[in-house]
């Protein structure tokens, strides 16, 4: 199964959005400053009409096919923000606020 890098980031974005929704109205929330994503990718060259290079995220135990495929580790440092440029807050899973 081939999973594109864009699809992987889209899924991560969805998970962060769900975490934000889960945190609404909670007494304790976590601020997401940045997200570090390390993925193993297979890079393939395409000879199709559009040509170009495609990045495929390798699944657990997945191996790249022989030929014009090379595997690499890609590290992405992402900053999470809302559509308005605000801070992303998620639910901490705690029922009560932390007291000083």
N, C-alpha and C. Protein backbone atom coordinates (compact mmCIF):
# COMPACT_ATOMS: atom_id res chain seq x y z
N UNK A 1 0.84 -1.17 0.00
CA UNK A 1 0.00 0.00 0.00
C UNK A 1 0.89 1.24 0.00
N UNK A 2 0.59 2.17 -0.87
CA UNK A 2 1.37 3.39 -0.97
C UNK A 2 0.61 4.54 -0.31
N UNK A 3 1.28 5.22 0.60
CA UNK A 3 0.69 6.37 1.29
C UNK A 3 1.55 7.58 0.97
N UNK A 4 0.97 8.58 0.36
CA UNK A 4 1.72 9.78 -0.01
C UNK A 4 2.07 10.63 1.19
N UNK A 5 3.13 11.39 1.06
CA UNK A 5 3.57 12.29 2.12
C UNK A 5 2.48 13.32 2.43
N UNK A 6 1.83 13.84 1.40
CA UNK A 6 0.74 14.82 1.61
C UNK A 6 -0.41 14.18 2.38
N UNK A 7 -0.73 12.94 2.07
CA UNK A 7 -1.80 12.23 2.78
C UNK A 7 -1.43 12.04 4.25
N UNK A 8 -0.18 11.75 4.52
CA UNK A 8 0.30 11.59 5.90
C UNK A 8 0.15 12.88 6.67
N UNK A 9 0.55 13.99 6.09
CA UNK A 9 0.44 15.28 6.76
C UNK A 9 -1.03 15.66 6.93
N UNK A 10 -1.86 15.35 5.94
CA UNK A 10 -3.30 15.61 6.03
C UNK A 10 -3.91 14.85 7.21
N UNK A 11 -3.51 13.59 7.39
CA UNK A 11 -4.01 12.79 8.51
C UNK A 11 -3.55 13.37 9.84
N UNK A 12 -2.30 13.82 9.91
CA UNK A 12 -1.79 14.45 11.13
C UNK A 12 -2.59 15.71 11.46
N UNK A 13 -2.87 16.50 10.44
CA UNK A 13 -3.66 17.72 10.62
C UNK A 13 -5.05 17.37 11.17
N UNK A 14 -5.65 16.30 10.65
CA UNK A 14 -6.95 15.86 11.13
C UNK A 14 -6.92 15.42 12.59
N UNK A 15 -5.85 14.72 12.97
CA UNK A 15 -5.70 14.28 14.37
C UNK A 15 -5.55 15.48 15.30
N UNK A 16 -4.78 16.49 14.88
CA UNK A 16 -4.64 17.69 15.70
C UNK A 16 -5.96 18.45 15.81
N UNK A 17 -6.72 18.50 14.72
CA UNK A 17 -8.03 19.17 14.75
C UNK A 17 -8.97 18.44 15.70
N UNK A 18 -8.93 17.11 15.70
CA UNK A 18 -9.78 16.33 16.61
C UNK A 18 -9.36 16.57 18.06
N UNK A 19 -8.06 16.64 18.31
CA UNK A 19 -7.57 16.91 19.66
C UNK A 19 -8.02 18.29 20.13
N UNK A 20 -8.03 19.28 19.23
CA UNK A 20 -8.52 20.61 19.58
C UNK A 20 -9.99 20.55 19.96
N UNK A 21 -10.79 19.85 19.15
CA UNK A 21 -12.23 19.73 19.41
C UNK A 21 -12.47 19.03 20.74
N UNK A 22 -11.70 17.99 21.03
CA UNK A 22 -11.85 17.26 22.28
C UNK A 22 -11.51 18.14 23.49
N UNK A 23 -10.65 19.13 23.31
CA UNK A 23 -10.23 19.99 24.40
C UNK A 23 -11.16 21.15 24.70
N UNK A 24 -12.12 21.41 23.80
CA UNK A 24 -13.05 22.52 24.02
C UNK A 24 -13.76 22.37 25.35
N UNK A 25 -13.74 23.43 26.16
CA UNK A 25 -14.44 23.45 27.43
C UNK A 25 -13.76 22.67 28.55
N UNK A 26 -12.61 22.07 28.29
CA UNK A 26 -11.89 21.33 29.33
C UNK A 26 -11.12 22.30 30.22
N UNK A 27 -11.00 22.00 31.50
CA UNK A 27 -10.29 22.91 32.40
C UNK A 27 -8.79 22.96 32.16
N UNK A 28 -8.22 21.90 31.60
CA UNK A 28 -6.78 21.87 31.32
C UNK A 28 -6.60 21.51 29.85
N UNK A 29 -5.85 22.33 29.15
CA UNK A 29 -5.55 22.04 27.74
C UNK A 29 -4.06 22.18 27.52
N UNK A 30 -3.57 21.55 26.49
CA UNK A 30 -2.15 21.61 26.14
C UNK A 30 -1.97 22.48 24.91
N UNK A 31 -0.90 23.25 24.89
CA UNK A 31 -0.57 24.09 23.75
C UNK A 31 0.41 23.32 22.86
N UNK A 32 0.12 23.26 21.59
CA UNK A 32 1.03 22.62 20.64
C UNK A 32 1.92 23.70 20.06
N UNK A 33 3.20 23.66 20.41
CA UNK A 33 4.15 24.64 19.89
C UNK A 33 4.68 24.19 18.53
N UNK A 34 5.10 22.92 18.48
CA UNK A 34 5.61 22.39 17.22
C UNK A 34 5.40 20.90 17.20
N UNK A 35 5.48 20.35 16.01
CA UNK A 35 5.31 18.92 15.80
C UNK A 35 6.51 18.44 15.00
N UNK A 36 7.20 17.43 15.50
CA UNK A 36 8.31 16.86 14.75
C UNK A 36 7.84 15.53 14.19
N UNK A 37 7.95 15.39 12.89
CA UNK A 37 7.48 14.20 12.20
C UNK A 37 8.66 13.58 11.47
N UNK A 38 9.05 12.37 11.89
CA UNK A 38 10.12 11.62 11.22
C UNK A 38 9.46 10.45 10.48
N UNK A 39 9.64 10.39 9.18
CA UNK A 39 9.05 9.32 8.38
C UNK A 39 10.09 8.71 7.45
N UNK A 40 9.93 7.44 7.19
CA UNK A 40 10.73 6.76 6.18
C UNK A 40 9.97 6.88 4.86
N UNK A 41 10.61 7.40 3.84
CA UNK A 41 9.93 7.57 2.56
C UNK A 41 10.68 6.86 1.45
N UNK A 42 9.91 6.42 0.47
CA UNK A 42 10.48 5.89 -0.76
C UNK A 42 10.33 6.99 -1.80
N UNK A 43 11.38 7.28 -2.50
CA UNK A 43 11.36 8.31 -3.53
C UNK A 43 11.42 7.60 -4.87
N UNK A 44 10.39 7.84 -5.70
CA UNK A 44 10.35 7.17 -7.00
C UNK A 44 10.34 8.21 -8.11
N UNK A 45 11.04 7.89 -9.18
CA UNK A 45 11.04 8.73 -10.36
C UNK A 45 9.96 8.21 -11.30
N UNK A 46 9.19 9.14 -11.89
CA UNK A 46 8.10 8.76 -12.77
C UNK A 46 8.46 9.07 -14.22
N UNK A 47 8.17 8.10 -15.08
CA UNK A 47 8.42 8.30 -16.51
C UNK A 47 7.13 8.64 -17.24
N UNK A 48 6.05 8.87 -16.49
CA UNK A 48 4.76 9.20 -17.10
C UNK A 48 4.81 10.56 -17.76
N UNK A 49 3.72 10.94 -18.44
CA UNK A 49 3.67 12.20 -19.17
C UNK A 49 4.00 13.40 -18.28
N UNK A 50 3.48 13.39 -17.05
CA UNK A 50 3.75 14.51 -16.15
C UNK A 50 5.13 14.40 -15.52
N UNK A 51 5.65 13.18 -15.45
CA UNK A 51 6.98 12.97 -14.90
C UNK A 51 7.10 13.43 -13.46
N UNK A 52 8.30 13.63 -12.99
CA UNK A 52 8.53 14.14 -11.66
C UNK A 52 8.93 13.08 -10.67
N UNK A 53 8.97 13.47 -9.42
CA UNK A 53 9.38 12.60 -8.32
C UNK A 53 8.22 12.51 -7.35
N UNK A 54 8.00 11.34 -6.77
CA UNK A 54 6.92 11.11 -5.82
C UNK A 54 7.50 10.59 -4.51
N UNK A 55 7.00 11.06 -3.37
CA UNK A 55 7.42 10.60 -2.06
C UNK A 55 6.31 9.72 -1.48
N UNK A 56 6.65 8.49 -1.12
CA UNK A 56 5.70 7.56 -0.51
C UNK A 56 6.18 7.23 0.89
N UNK A 57 5.31 7.35 1.87
CA UNK A 57 5.65 7.00 3.25
C UNK A 57 5.60 5.49 3.38
N UNK A 58 6.66 4.91 3.94
CA UNK A 58 6.70 3.46 4.12
C UNK A 58 5.92 3.09 5.37
N UNK A 59 5.09 2.07 5.25
CA UNK A 59 4.33 1.59 6.39
C UNK A 59 5.21 0.66 7.22
N UNK A 60 4.77 0.33 8.42
CA UNK A 60 5.55 -0.55 9.30
C UNK A 60 5.88 -1.84 8.57
N UNK A 61 7.15 -2.17 8.53
CA UNK A 61 7.58 -3.39 7.86
C UNK A 61 7.60 -3.28 6.34
N UNK A 62 7.23 -2.11 5.81
CA UNK A 62 7.19 -1.93 4.37
C UNK A 62 8.58 -1.79 3.78
N UNK A 63 8.72 -2.24 2.56
CA UNK A 63 9.99 -2.12 1.85
C UNK A 63 9.74 -1.48 0.50
N UNK A 64 10.67 -0.74 0.05
CA UNK A 64 10.55 -0.11 -1.26
C UNK A 64 10.88 -1.12 -2.35
N UNK A 65 10.26 -0.94 -3.49
CA UNK A 65 10.52 -1.82 -4.63
C UNK A 65 11.90 -1.53 -5.21
N UNK A 66 12.47 -2.52 -5.85
CA UNK A 66 13.77 -2.34 -6.50
C UNK A 66 13.61 -1.45 -7.73
N UNK A 67 14.68 -0.98 -8.26
CA UNK A 67 14.64 -0.21 -9.49
C UNK A 67 14.96 1.25 -9.23
N UNK A 68 14.04 2.14 -9.63
CA UNK A 68 14.28 3.57 -9.52
C UNK A 68 13.75 4.13 -8.19
N UNK A 69 13.80 3.33 -7.13
CA UNK A 69 13.31 3.76 -5.83
C UNK A 69 14.47 3.88 -4.85
N UNK A 70 14.49 4.96 -4.09
CA UNK A 70 15.48 5.15 -3.03
C UNK A 70 14.72 5.46 -1.76
N UNK A 71 15.20 4.98 -0.62
CA UNK A 71 14.54 5.27 0.64
C UNK A 71 15.35 6.28 1.44
N UNK A 72 14.64 7.15 2.16
CA UNK A 72 15.26 8.20 2.94
C UNK A 72 14.44 8.43 4.20
N UNK A 73 15.06 8.98 5.22
CA UNK A 73 14.34 9.45 6.39
C UNK A 73 14.15 10.95 6.23
N UNK A 74 12.92 11.38 6.37
CA UNK A 74 12.60 12.80 6.25
C UNK A 74 12.13 13.29 7.61
N UNK A 75 12.73 14.36 8.10
CA UNK A 75 12.31 14.98 9.36
C UNK A 75 11.69 16.33 9.04
N UNK A 76 10.46 16.50 9.48
CA UNK A 76 9.75 17.75 9.27
C UNK A 76 9.48 18.40 10.62
N UNK A 77 9.81 19.65 10.77
CA UNK A 77 9.50 20.41 11.98
C UNK A 77 8.35 21.34 11.61
N UNK A 78 7.16 21.06 12.14
CA UNK A 78 5.96 21.80 11.79
C UNK A 78 5.52 22.64 12.98
N UNK A 79 5.03 23.84 12.71
CA UNK A 79 4.44 24.67 13.76
C UNK A 79 2.94 24.61 13.58
N UNK A 80 2.24 24.22 14.64
CA UNK A 80 0.79 24.11 14.58
C UNK A 80 0.15 25.45 14.90
N UNK A 81 -0.84 25.84 14.08
CA UNK A 81 -1.60 27.05 14.34
C UNK A 81 -3.00 26.88 13.78
N UNK A 82 -3.94 27.67 14.28
CA UNK A 82 -5.31 27.62 13.78
C UNK A 82 -5.37 28.33 12.42
N UNK A 83 -6.51 28.24 11.76
CA UNK A 83 -6.68 28.89 10.46
C UNK A 83 -6.51 30.41 10.57
N UNK A 84 -6.79 30.95 11.77
CA UNK A 84 -6.65 32.39 12.01
C UNK A 84 -5.26 32.76 12.48
N UNK A 85 -4.36 31.78 12.59
CA UNK A 85 -3.00 32.05 13.05
C UNK A 85 -2.85 31.98 14.56
N UNK A 86 -3.87 31.46 15.25
CA UNK A 86 -3.82 31.35 16.70
C UNK A 86 -3.13 30.09 17.18
N UNK A 87 -3.06 29.96 18.50
CA UNK A 87 -2.42 28.82 19.15
C UNK A 87 -3.33 27.61 19.15
N UNK A 88 -2.77 26.44 18.91
CA UNK A 88 -3.53 25.20 18.97
C UNK A 88 -3.52 24.70 20.40
N UNK A 89 -4.70 24.49 20.97
CA UNK A 89 -4.85 23.97 22.32
C UNK A 89 -5.58 22.64 22.25
N UNK A 90 -5.06 21.63 22.95
CA UNK A 90 -5.70 20.32 22.95
C UNK A 90 -6.02 19.89 24.36
N UNK A 91 -6.87 18.88 24.49
CA UNK A 91 -7.25 18.33 25.79
C UNK A 91 -6.09 17.56 26.38
N UNK A 92 -5.81 17.78 27.65
CA UNK A 92 -4.71 17.08 28.31
C UNK A 92 -5.13 15.71 28.83
N UNK A 93 -6.44 15.45 28.85
CA UNK A 93 -6.91 14.19 29.42
C UNK A 93 -7.13 14.28 30.92
N UNK A 94 -6.86 15.43 31.52
CA UNK A 94 -7.06 15.60 32.98
C UNK A 94 -8.43 16.19 33.22
N UNK A 95 -9.07 15.78 34.27
CA UNK A 95 -10.41 16.24 34.59
C UNK A 95 -10.43 17.55 35.37
N UNK A 96 -9.36 17.86 36.09
CA UNK A 96 -9.34 19.06 36.91
C UNK A 96 -8.09 19.87 36.63
N UNK A 97 -8.17 21.20 36.83
CA UNK A 97 -6.99 22.03 36.57
C UNK A 97 -5.87 21.75 37.56
N UNK A 98 -4.67 22.01 37.14
CA UNK A 98 -3.51 21.86 38.01
C UNK A 98 -3.44 23.08 38.90
N UNK A 99 -3.29 22.85 40.22
CA UNK A 99 -3.21 23.95 41.19
C UNK A 99 -1.76 24.26 41.49
N UNK A 100 -1.44 25.54 41.68
CA UNK A 100 -0.08 25.94 42.06
C UNK A 100 0.15 25.72 43.54
